Amino acid sequence: QEFRGWNSVKWKTQAFKKIEKEISSLVEGALEKKEEANA
């Protein structure tokens, strides 16, 4: 039971990191487009 709970926390952390990485790359892409439009 305890191990399973730790395992799900580990999975959630990995999923969160993946989502965070995707969001940051989307934000970077949006900022680049904005800079290109301003240039």
PDB file of N, CA and C in Angstrom:
ATOM      1  N   GLN A   1       0.845  -1.206   0.000  1.00  0.00           N
ATOM      2  CA  GLN A   1       0.000   0.000   0.000  1.00  0.00           C
ATOM      3  C   GLN A   1       0.880   1.256   0.000  1.00  0.00           C
ATOM      4  N   GLU A   2       1.813   1.324   0.957  1.00  0.00           N
ATOM      5  CA  GLU A   2       2.686   2.493   1.036  1.00  0.00           C
ATOM      6  C   GLU A   2       3.512   2.629  -0.236  1.00  0.00           C
ATOM      7  N   PHE A   3       4.034   1.493  -0.707  1.00  0.00           N
ATOM      8  CA  PHE A   3       4.868   1.519  -1.915  1.00  0.00           C
ATOM      9  C   PHE A   3       4.052   1.998  -3.112  1.00  0.00           C
ATOM     10  N   ARG A   4       2.792   1.526  -3.190  1.00  0.00           N
ATOM     11  CA  ARG A   4       1.940   1.911  -4.310  1.00  0.00           C
ATOM     12  C   ARG A   4       1.689   3.420  -4.282  1.00  0.00           C
ATOM     13  N   GLY A   5       1.482   3.963  -3.078  1.00  0.00           N
ATOM     14  CA  GLY A   5       1.266   5.401  -2.956  1.00  0.00           C
ATOM     15  C   GLY A   5       2.491   6.168  -3.413  1.00  0.00           C
ATOM     16  N   TRP A   6       3.683   5.698  -3.002  1.00  0.00           N
ATOM     17  CA  TRP A   6       4.923   6.356  -3.415  1.00  0.00           C
ATOM     18  C   TRP A   6       5.083   6.264  -4.922  1.00  0.00           C
ATOM     19  N   ASN A   7       4.695   5.115  -5.471  1.00  0.00           N
ATOM     20  CA  ASN A   7       4.813   4.899  -6.910  1.00  0.00           C
ATOM     21  C   ASN A   7       3.936   5.885  -7.674  1.00  0.00           C
ATOM     22  N   SER A   8       2.716   6.118  -7.199  1.00  0.00           N
ATOM     23  CA  SER A   8       1.817   7.040  -7.898  1.00  0.00           C
ATOM     24  C   SER A   8       2.335   8.472  -7.786  1.00  0.00           C
ATOM     25  N   VAL A   9       2.953   8.806  -6.647  1.00  0.00           N
ATOM     26  CA  VAL A   9       3.542  10.137  -6.491  1.00  0.00           C
ATOM     27  C   VAL A   9       4.669  10.306  -7.495  1.00  0.00           C
ATOM     28  N   LYS A  10       5.482   9.261  -7.641  1.00  0.00           N
ATOM     29  CA  LYS A  10       6.591   9.306  -8.597  1.00  0.00           C
ATOM     30  C   LYS A  10       6.053   9.496 -10.013  1.00  0.00           C
ATOM     31  N   TRP A  11       4.976   8.762 -10.351  1.00  0.00           N
ATOM     32  CA  TRP A  11       4.389   8.875 -11.688  1.00  0.00           C
ATOM     33  C   TRP A  11       3.846  10.274 -11.914  1.00  0.00           C
ATOM     34  N   LYS A  12       3.161  10.813 -10.901  1.00  0.00           N
ATOM     35  CA  LYS A  12       2.602  12.159 -11.030  1.00  0.00           C
ATOM     36  C   LYS A  12       3.711  13.176 -11.238  1.00  0.00           C
ATOM     37  N   THR A  13       4.837  12.991 -10.548  1.00  0.00           N
ATOM     38  CA  THR A  13       5.962  13.917 -10.692  1.00  0.00           C
ATOM     39  C   THR A  13       6.501  13.864 -12.112  1.00  0.00           C
ATOM     40  N   GLN A  14       6.642  12.660 -12.663  1.00  0.00           N
ATOM     41  CA  GLN A  14       7.145  12.511 -14.035  1.00  0.00           C
ATOM     42  C   GLN A  14       6.166  13.140 -15.017  1.00  0.00           C
ATOM     43  N   ALA A  15       4.874  12.901 -14.819  1.00  0.00           N
ATOM     44  CA  ALA A  15       3.858  13.456 -15.713  1.00  0.00           C
ATOM     45  C   ALA A  15       3.871  14.978 -15.629  1.00  0.00           C
ATOM     46  N   PHE A  16       4.015  15.504 -14.403  1.00  0.00           N
ATOM     47  CA  PHE A  16       4.035  16.955 -14.224  1.00  0.00           C
ATOM     48  C   PHE A  16       5.240  17.568 -14.918  1.00  0.00           C
ATOM     49  N   LYS A  17       6.402  16.916 -14.777  1.00  0.00           N
ATOM     50  CA  LYS A  17       7.612  17.428 -15.433  1.00  0.00           C
ATOM     51  C   LYS A  17       7.442  17.438 -16.947  1.00  0.00           C
ATOM     52  N   LYS A  18       6.810  16.400 -17.480  1.00  0.00           N
ATOM     53  CA  LYS A  18       6.589  16.318 -18.925  1.00  0.00           C
ATOM     54  C   LYS A  18       5.668  17.451 -19.377  1.00  0.00           C
ATOM     55  N   ILE A  19       4.576  17.665 -18.624  1.00  0.00           N
ATOM     56  CA  ILE A  19       3.626  18.735 -18.963  1.00  0.00           C
ATOM     57  C   ILE A  19       4.313  20.089 -18.854  1.00  0.00           C
ATOM     58  N   GLU A  20       5.117  20.259 -17.795  1.00  0.00           N
ATOM     59  CA  GLU A  20       5.821  21.520 -17.583  1.00  0.00           C
ATOM     60  C   GLU A  20       6.750  21.816 -18.759  1.00  0.00           C
ATOM     61  N   LYS A  21       7.426  20.769 -19.232  1.00  0.00           N
ATOM     62  CA  LYS A  21       8.356  20.926 -20.361  1.00  0.00           C
ATOM     63  C   LYS A  21       7.588  21.330 -21.618  1.00  0.00           C
ATOM     64  N   GLU A  22       6.430  20.688 -21.843  1.00  0.00           N
ATOM     65  CA  GLU A  22       5.616  21.004 -23.021  1.00  0.00           C
ATOM     66  C   GLU A  22       5.108  22.438 -22.955  1.00  0.00           C
ATOM     67  N   ILE A  23       4.659  22.859 -21.768  1.00  0.00           N
ATOM     68  CA  ILE A  23       4.150  24.227 -21.608  1.00  0.00           C
ATOM     69  C   ILE A  23       5.266  25.233 -21.850  1.00  0.00           C
ATOM     70  N   SER A  24       6.446  24.985 -21.280  1.00  0.00           N
ATOM     71  CA  SER A  24       7.539  25.944 -21.443  1.00  0.00           C
ATOM     72  C   SER A  24       7.970  26.047 -22.900  1.00  0.00           C
ATOM     73  N   SER A  25       7.939  24.940 -23.639  1.00  0.00           N
ATOM     74  CA  SER A  25       8.314  25.005 -25.055  1.00  0.00           C
ATOM     75  C   SER A  25       7.238  25.752 -25.852  1.00  0.00           C
ATOM     76  N   LEU A  26       5.965  25.584 -25.462  1.00  0.00           N
ATOM     77  CA  LEU A  26       4.889  26.332 -26.128  1.00  0.00           C
ATOM     78  C   LEU A  26       5.049  27.823 -25.864  1.00  0.00           C
ATOM     79  N   VAL A  27       5.364  28.167 -24.617  1.00  0.00           N
ATOM     80  CA  VAL A  27       5.547  29.576 -24.246  1.00  0.00           C
ATOM     81  C   VAL A  27       6.727  30.165 -25.010  1.00  0.00           C
ATOM     82  N   GLU A  28       7.828  29.424 -25.083  1.00  0.00           N
ATOM     83  CA  GLU A  28       9.004  29.906 -25.815  1.00  0.00           C
ATOM     84  C   GLU A  28       8.661  30.140 -27.283  1.00  0.00           C
ATOM     85  N   GLY A  29       7.924  29.212 -27.883  1.00  0.00           N
ATOM     86  CA  GLY A  29       7.531  29.354 -29.280  1.00  0.00           C
ATOM     87  C   GLY A  29       6.649  30.578 -29.482  1.00  0.00           C
ATOM     88  N   ALA A  30       5.726  30.814 -28.543  1.00  0.00           N
ATOM     89  CA  ALA A  30       4.836  31.974 -28.640  1.00  0.00           C
ATOM     90  C   ALA A  30       5.637  33.263 -28.512  1.00  0.00           C
ATOM     91  N   LEU A  31       6.608  33.283 -27.599  1.00  0.00           N
ATOM     92  CA  LEU A  31       7.438  34.479 -27.421  1.00  0.00           C
ATOM     93  C   LEU A  31       8.263  34.747 -28.670  1.00  0.00           C
ATOM     94  N   GLU A  32       8.788  33.695 -29.280  1.00  0.00           N
ATOM     95  CA  GLU A  32       9.586  33.868 -30.498  1.00  0.00           C
ATOM     96  C   GLU A  32       8.730  34.457 -31.616  1.00  0.00           C
ATOM     97  N   LYS A  33       7.500  33.949 -31.761  1.00  0.00           N
ATOM     98  CA  LYS A  33       6.595  34.472 -32.791  1.00  0.00           C
ATOM     99  C   LYS A  33       6.286  35.942 -32.536  1.00  0.00           C
ATOM    100  N   LYS A  34       6.104  36.288 -31.255  1.00  0.00           N
ATOM    101  CA  LYS A  34       5.793  37.666 -30.884  1.00  0.00           C
ATOM    102  C   LYS A  34       6.965  38.576 -31.251  1.00  0.00           C
ATOM    103  N   GLU A  35       8.183  38.122 -30.965  1.00  0.00           N
ATOM    104  CA  GLU A  35       9.370  38.920 -31.272  1.00  0.00           C
ATOM    105  C   GLU A  35       9.525  39.097 -32.776  1.00  0.00           C
ATOM    106  N   GLU A  36       9.215  38.041 -33.530  1.00  0.00           N
ATOM    107  CA  GLU A  36       9.304  38.126 -34.994  1.00  0.00           C
ATOM    108  C   GLU A  36       8.293  39.150 -35.519  1.00  0.00           C
ATOM    109  N   ALA A  37       7.107  39.169 -34.936  1.00  0.00           N
ATOM    110  CA  ALA A  37       6.068  40.106 -35.366  1.00  0.00           C
ATOM    111  C   ALA A  37       6.475  41.543 -35.041  1.00  0.00           C
ATOM    112  N   ASN A  38       7.154  41.733 -33.918  1.00  0.00           N
ATOM    113  CA  ASN A  38       7.585  43.073 -33.511  1.00  0.00           C
ATOM    114  C   ASN A  38       8.779  43.552 -34.323  1.00  0.00           C
ATOM    115  N   ALA A  39       9.607  42.632 -34.802  1.00  0.00           N
ATOM    116  CA  ALA A  39      10.838  43.006 -35.507  1.00  0.00           C
ATOM    117  C   ALA A  39      10.546  43.671 -36.848  1.00  0.00           C
TER     118      ALA A  39
END
